[in-house]
Amino acid sequence: MIILKLGGSVITRKDSEEPAIDRDNLERIASEIGNASPSSLMIVHGAGSFGHPFAGEYRIGLEIENEEDLRRRRFGFALTQNWVKKLNSNVCDALLAEGIPAVSMQPSAFIRAHAGRISHADISLIRSYLEEGMVPVVYGDVVLDSDRRLKFSVISGDQLINHFSLRLMPERVILGTDVDGVYTRNPKKHPDARLLDVIGSLDDLESLDGTLNTDVTGGMVGKIRELLLLAEKGVESEIINAAVPGNIERALLGEEVRGTRITGKH
């Protein structure tokens, strides 16, 4: 079994003022998944411009200040949930067009959190869909949080990867982003940035420059922290550039692709 993460920065235009899909990337990636046709696959995708602007504007996941703030958060929660659901529908449409039996799974319908971390998730249906040869498609979403100071939280695709991988124990975890892997500095701004082939511990994060991309889900450093927690349990992962044509297909087929491996050890 493979769990594949499609970053929001790849399938949406995160620099857009309005939610916008990167149609070329999405349709190409869907085609590559169809070509590789892995025997057992689960897909997790990020929210990109369909989630981060709304979650940020309504401060989802931060401590609620007063009753008026709570009312505003409720609306922001519903708005964010609606937009990320629209993105997921587009992702499933692209997969179905390639003959992939994609089944949408809405995290806010079966996941709860406490203090921003998943506290409950009924994954029995996901297991059943996988057993039937279907491809469950889950995504970064907002969920109810039992911490009364928060009420609501953002659950990133990277936290979902961590949670599902620990419970489903896939053979491989592949994360498709908009860069070749983890660099010492933001490669989009610094030509001298160096790609790290392997990250084995939190100590390696000390070598990373603070200019790495950051969003409401923690950016690249947040992603690595989630993957290191996963690696400690014996599930390694790899970060590759999904914007490069052919990379997703080759990775799904088990071929070597330029990127960064998160191993939990050197």
Protein backbone atom coordinates (compact mmCIF):
# COMPACT_ATOMS: atom_id res chain seq x y z
CA MET A 1 0.00 0.00 0.00
CA ILE A 2 1.12 3.56 -0.79
CA ILE A 3 -0.05 6.82 0.75
CA LEU A 4 0.46 9.73 -1.64
CA LYS A 5 0.28 13.36 -0.53
CA LEU A 6 -0.39 16.06 -3.11
CA GLY A 7 0.62 19.45 -1.78
CA GLY A 8 -1.80 22.33 -2.02
CA SER A 9 1.00 24.39 -3.57
CA VAL A 10 1.04 21.99 -6.53
CA ILE A 11 -2.65 21.50 -7.27
CA THR A 12 -3.79 25.06 -6.46
CA ARG A 13 -2.42 28.52 -7.15
CA LYS A 14 -1.51 29.62 -3.63
CA ASP A 15 -0.54 33.12 -4.80
CA SER A 16 -4.03 33.72 -6.18
CA GLU A 17 -6.29 36.25 -4.46
CA GLU A 18 -9.21 33.86 -5.00
CA PRO A 19 -9.28 30.05 -4.67
CA ALA A 20 -7.87 28.75 -7.96
CA ILE A 21 -6.92 25.29 -9.20
CA ASP A 22 -3.73 24.62 -11.11
CA ARG A 23 -5.62 22.64 -13.70
CA ASP A 24 -2.56 21.64 -15.75
CA ASN A 25 -0.75 20.15 -12.75
CA LEU A 26 -3.84 18.44 -11.35
CA GLU A 27 -4.82 16.74 -14.62
CA ARG A 28 -1.23 15.71 -15.39
CA ILE A 29 -0.74 14.22 -11.91
CA ALA A 30 -4.05 12.37 -12.18
CA SER A 31 -2.86 10.93 -15.50
CA GLU A 32 0.44 9.83 -13.94
CA ILE A 33 -1.40 8.11 -11.08
CA GLY A 34 -3.58 6.34 -13.63
CA ASN A 35 -0.53 5.24 -15.62
CA ALA A 36 1.24 3.86 -12.55
CA SER A 37 -1.94 2.18 -11.32
CA PRO A 38 -0.67 1.08 -7.87
CA SER A 39 -2.51 -1.93 -6.45
CA SER A 40 -3.41 -0.16 -3.19
CA LEU A 41 -3.41 3.61 -2.85
CA MET A 42 -4.67 6.33 -0.53
CA ILE A 43 -4.40 9.99 -1.50
CA VAL A 44 -4.15 12.96 0.86
CA HIS A 45 -4.13 16.46 -0.57
CA GLY A 46 -3.49 19.89 0.86
CA ALA A 47 -5.90 22.83 0.82
CA GLY A 48 -3.71 25.48 -0.78
CA SER A 49 -5.59 28.61 -1.84
CA PHE A 50 -8.90 26.89 -1.02
CA GLY A 51 -8.15 26.69 2.70
CA HIS A 52 -5.19 28.66 4.03
CA PRO A 53 -6.51 32.20 3.32
CA PHE A 54 -9.82 31.52 5.06
CA ALA A 55 -8.32 29.64 8.01
CA GLY A 56 -5.83 32.47 8.44
CA GLU A 57 -8.38 35.29 8.14
CA TYR A 58 -10.71 33.71 10.71
CA ARG A 59 -7.83 32.60 12.97
CA ILE A 60 -8.99 28.99 13.11
CA GLY A 61 -6.98 27.09 15.71
CA LEU A 62 -6.08 30.13 17.83
CA GLU A 63 -7.51 30.86 21.27
CA ILE A 64 -11.00 32.38 21.17
CA GLU A 65 -11.17 35.82 22.77
CA ASN A 66 -14.89 36.43 23.40
CA GLU A 67 -18.42 35.52 22.32
CA GLU A 68 -18.32 37.80 19.28
CA ASP A 69 -15.03 36.19 18.22
CA LEU A 70 -16.61 32.74 18.65
CA ARG A 71 -19.50 33.67 16.34
CA ARG A 72 -17.03 34.88 13.74
CA ARG A 73 -14.99 31.67 14.05
CA ARG A 74 -18.10 29.56 13.52
CA PHE A 75 -18.73 31.28 10.21
CA GLY A 76 -15.05 31.01 9.27
CA PHE A 77 -15.09 27.30 10.07
CA ALA A 78 -18.11 26.70 7.83
CA LEU A 79 -16.66 28.84 5.03
CA THR A 80 -13.29 27.06 5.11
CA GLN A 81 -14.92 23.64 5.24
CA ASN A 82 -17.04 24.49 2.20
CA TRP A 83 -14.12 25.70 0.09
CA VAL A 84 -11.81 22.75 0.81
CA LYS A 85 -14.70 20.42 -0.01
CA LYS A 86 -14.96 22.12 -3.42
CA LEU A 87 -11.26 21.52 -4.03
CA ASN A 88 -11.63 17.86 -3.08
CA SER A 89 -14.48 17.49 -5.55
CA ASN A 90 -12.23 18.83 -8.32
CA VAL A 91 -9.43 16.45 -7.34
CA CYS A 92 -11.79 13.48 -7.40
CA ASP A 93 -13.17 14.61 -10.77
CA ALA A 94 -9.65 14.61 -12.24
CA LEU A 95 -8.91 11.14 -10.82
CA LEU A 96 -12.22 9.71 -12.05
CA ALA A 97 -11.51 11.07 -15.53
CA GLU A 98 -8.45 8.79 -15.54
CA GLY A 99 -10.46 5.74 -14.51
CA ILE A 100 -9.30 5.85 -10.88
CA PRO A 101 -12.03 4.78 -8.38
CA ALA A 102 -11.55 7.83 -6.13
CA VAL A 103 -13.79 8.06 -3.06
CA SER A 104 -14.00 11.37 -1.21
CA MET A 105 -13.54 11.21 2.58
CA GLN A 106 -14.32 14.47 4.42
CA PRO A 107 -12.11 14.72 7.56
CA SER A 108 -14.51 17.04 9.43
CA ALA A 109 -17.11 14.28 9.19
CA PHE A 110 -15.10 11.63 11.05
CA ILE A 111 -12.19 13.34 12.82
CA ARG A 112 -12.04 15.29 16.08
CA ALA A 113 -9.07 17.09 17.59
CA HIS A 114 -7.80 18.24 20.97
CA ALA A 115 -5.43 21.21 21.16
CA GLY A 116 -4.83 21.04 17.42
CA ARG A 117 -3.93 17.35 17.24
CA ILE A 118 -6.14 14.50 16.03
CA SER A 119 -7.73 12.86 19.07
CA HIS A 120 -10.27 10.61 17.33
CA ALA A 121 -10.63 9.28 13.80
CA ASP A 122 -12.81 6.37 12.75
CA ILE A 123 -10.84 4.90 9.84
CA SER A 124 -12.86 1.69 9.51
CA LEU A 125 -14.47 2.93 6.30
CA ILE A 126 -11.08 3.85 4.85
CA ARG A 127 -9.87 0.32 5.55
CA SER A 128 -12.99 -1.09 3.88
CA TYR A 129 -12.58 1.06 0.78
CA LEU A 130 -8.93 0.01 0.47
CA GLU A 131 -9.93 -3.65 0.79
CA GLU A 132 -12.44 -3.13 -2.04
CA GLY A 133 -9.74 -1.69 -4.30
CA MET A 134 -11.03 1.88 -4.04
CA VAL A 135 -8.81 4.96 -3.62
CA PRO A 136 -9.83 7.02 -0.54
CA VAL A 137 -9.10 10.72 -1.03
CA VAL A 138 -8.84 12.80 2.16
CA TYR A 139 -7.63 16.36 2.56
CA GLY A 140 -6.58 19.16 4.85
CA ASP A 141 -9.70 20.40 6.64
CA VAL A 142 -11.05 22.17 9.71
CA VAL A 143 -12.44 19.99 12.51
CA LEU A 144 -14.09 20.38 15.91
CA ASP A 145 -11.62 20.69 18.78
CA SER A 146 -12.51 19.59 22.32
CA ASP A 147 -10.18 22.23 23.80
CA ARG A 148 -12.67 24.89 24.93
CA ARG A 149 -10.16 27.65 24.29
CA LEU A 150 -10.06 26.74 20.59
CA LYS A 151 -13.35 24.98 19.64
CA PHE A 152 -12.01 24.48 16.08
CA SER A 153 -8.68 23.47 14.55
CA VAL A 154 -6.97 23.13 11.20
CA ILE A 155 -5.85 19.57 10.49
CA SER A 156 -3.21 19.68 7.80
CA GLY A 157 -2.61 17.07 5.15
CA ASP A 158 0.74 16.39 6.81
CA GLN A 159 -0.87 15.59 10.16
CA LEU A 160 -3.30 13.32 8.32
CA ILE A 161 -0.35 11.56 6.66
CA ASN A 162 1.20 10.97 10.07
CA HIS A 163 -2.01 9.70 11.68
CA PHE A 164 -3.15 7.42 8.85
CA SER A 165 0.32 6.01 8.23
CA LEU A 166 0.76 5.01 11.87
CA ARG A 167 -2.55 3.15 11.79
CA LEU A 168 -2.44 1.71 8.27
CA MET A 169 1.34 1.09 8.12
CA PRO A 170 1.80 1.60 4.35
CA GLU A 171 4.83 0.24 2.54
CA ARG A 172 5.65 3.69 1.22
CA VAL A 173 4.73 7.34 1.85
CA ILE A 174 5.31 9.83 -0.96
CA LEU A 175 4.86 13.57 -0.59
CA GLY A 176 4.58 15.63 -3.75
CA THR A 177 5.45 19.32 -3.23
CA ASP A 178 6.46 22.22 -5.49
CA VAL A 179 10.21 21.83 -4.80
CA ASP A 180 12.66 18.94 -5.26
CA GLY A 181 12.74 18.17 -1.53
CA VAL A 182 14.04 19.84 1.62
CA TYR A 183 16.67 22.52 1.12
CA THR A 184 18.91 24.34 3.58
CA ARG A 185 17.24 27.58 2.42
CA ASN A 186 14.23 28.50 0.33
CA PRO A 187 15.40 27.50 -3.18
CA LYS A 188 12.95 29.92 -4.79
CA LYS A 189 14.76 32.85 -3.21
CA HIS A 190 18.30 31.57 -2.71
CA PRO A 191 20.20 30.01 -5.65
CA ASP A 192 22.85 28.68 -3.25
CA ALA A 193 20.31 26.52 -1.38
CA ARG A 194 21.46 22.92 -0.96
CA LEU A 195 19.16 19.90 -1.27
CA LEU A 196 19.27 17.50 1.68
CA ASP A 197 19.21 13.89 0.49
CA VAL A 198 18.30 12.51 3.93
CA ILE A 199 16.87 13.92 7.15
CA GLY A 200 17.26 11.65 10.12
CA SER A 201 16.49 13.70 13.23
CA LEU A 202 15.26 17.01 14.59
CA ASP A 203 18.91 18.07 14.81
CA ASP A 204 18.94 18.31 11.04
CA LEU A 205 16.30 21.04 11.24
CA GLU A 206 18.84 23.33 12.92
CA SER A 207 20.64 23.63 9.58
CA LEU A 208 17.51 24.95 7.88
CA ASP A 209 17.17 28.66 7.27
CA GLY A 210 14.17 30.52 8.69
CA THR A 211 13.21 31.71 5.20
CA LEU A 212 11.55 28.39 4.35
CA ASN A 213 7.93 28.77 3.31
CA THR A 214 5.42 29.04 6.15
CA ASP A 215 1.63 28.88 6.15
CA VAL A 216 -1.15 28.20 8.67
CA THR A 217 -0.11 24.52 8.79
CA GLY A 218 3.57 25.17 9.54
CA GLY A 219 5.17 25.08 6.09
CA MET A 220 8.10 22.82 5.29
CA VAL A 221 9.46 22.63 8.84
CA GLY A 222 6.02 21.59 10.12
CA LYS A 223 5.91 18.95 7.41
CA ILE A 224 9.30 17.53 8.42
CA ARG A 225 8.34 17.38 12.10
CA GLU A 226 5.27 15.30 11.23
CA LEU A 227 7.35 12.97 9.06
CA LEU A 228 10.04 12.51 11.71
CA LEU A 229 7.36 11.42 14.18
CA LEU A 230 6.30 8.89 11.56
CA ALA A 231 9.86 7.73 10.90
CA GLU A 232 10.38 7.05 14.60
CA LYS A 233 7.64 4.41 14.28
CA GLY A 234 9.38 2.75 11.35
CA VAL A 235 7.59 4.34 8.38
CA GLU A 236 9.98 6.21 6.09
CA SER A 237 8.82 8.80 3.58
CA GLU A 238 10.14 10.75 0.63
CA ILE A 239 9.53 14.32 -0.50
CA ILE A 240 9.65 14.90 -4.25
CA ASN A 241 8.70 17.60 -6.76
CA ALA A 242 5.22 16.83 -8.08
CA ALA A 243 5.45 19.82 -10.42
CA VAL A 244 8.05 17.98 -12.51
CA PRO A 245 6.30 15.86 -15.17
CA GLY A 246 6.81 12.13 -14.61
CA ASN A 247 8.00 12.32 -11.00
CA ILE A 248 4.77 11.08 -9.41
CA GLU A 249 4.47 8.22 -11.90
CA ARG A 250 8.08 7.12 -11.40
CA ALA A 251 7.81 7.35 -7.62
CA LEU A 252 4.62 5.26 -7.58
CA LEU A 253 6.36 2.66 -9.74
CA GLY A 254 9.21 2.47 -7.22
CA GLU A 255 11.79 4.16 -9.40
CA GLU A 256 14.36 6.53 -7.89
CA VAL A 257 13.35 10.19 -8.00
CA ARG A 258 15.37 13.22 -6.91
CA GLY A 259 14.18 14.29 -3.46
CA THR A 260 14.65 14.02 0.31
CA ARG A 261 14.12 10.87 2.38
CA ILE A 262 12.89 11.20 5.98
CA THR A 263 14.36 8.20 7.74
CA GLY A 264 14.44 8.91 11.46
CA LYS A 265 18.07 7.77 11.40
CA HIS A 266 21.22 8.27 9.36
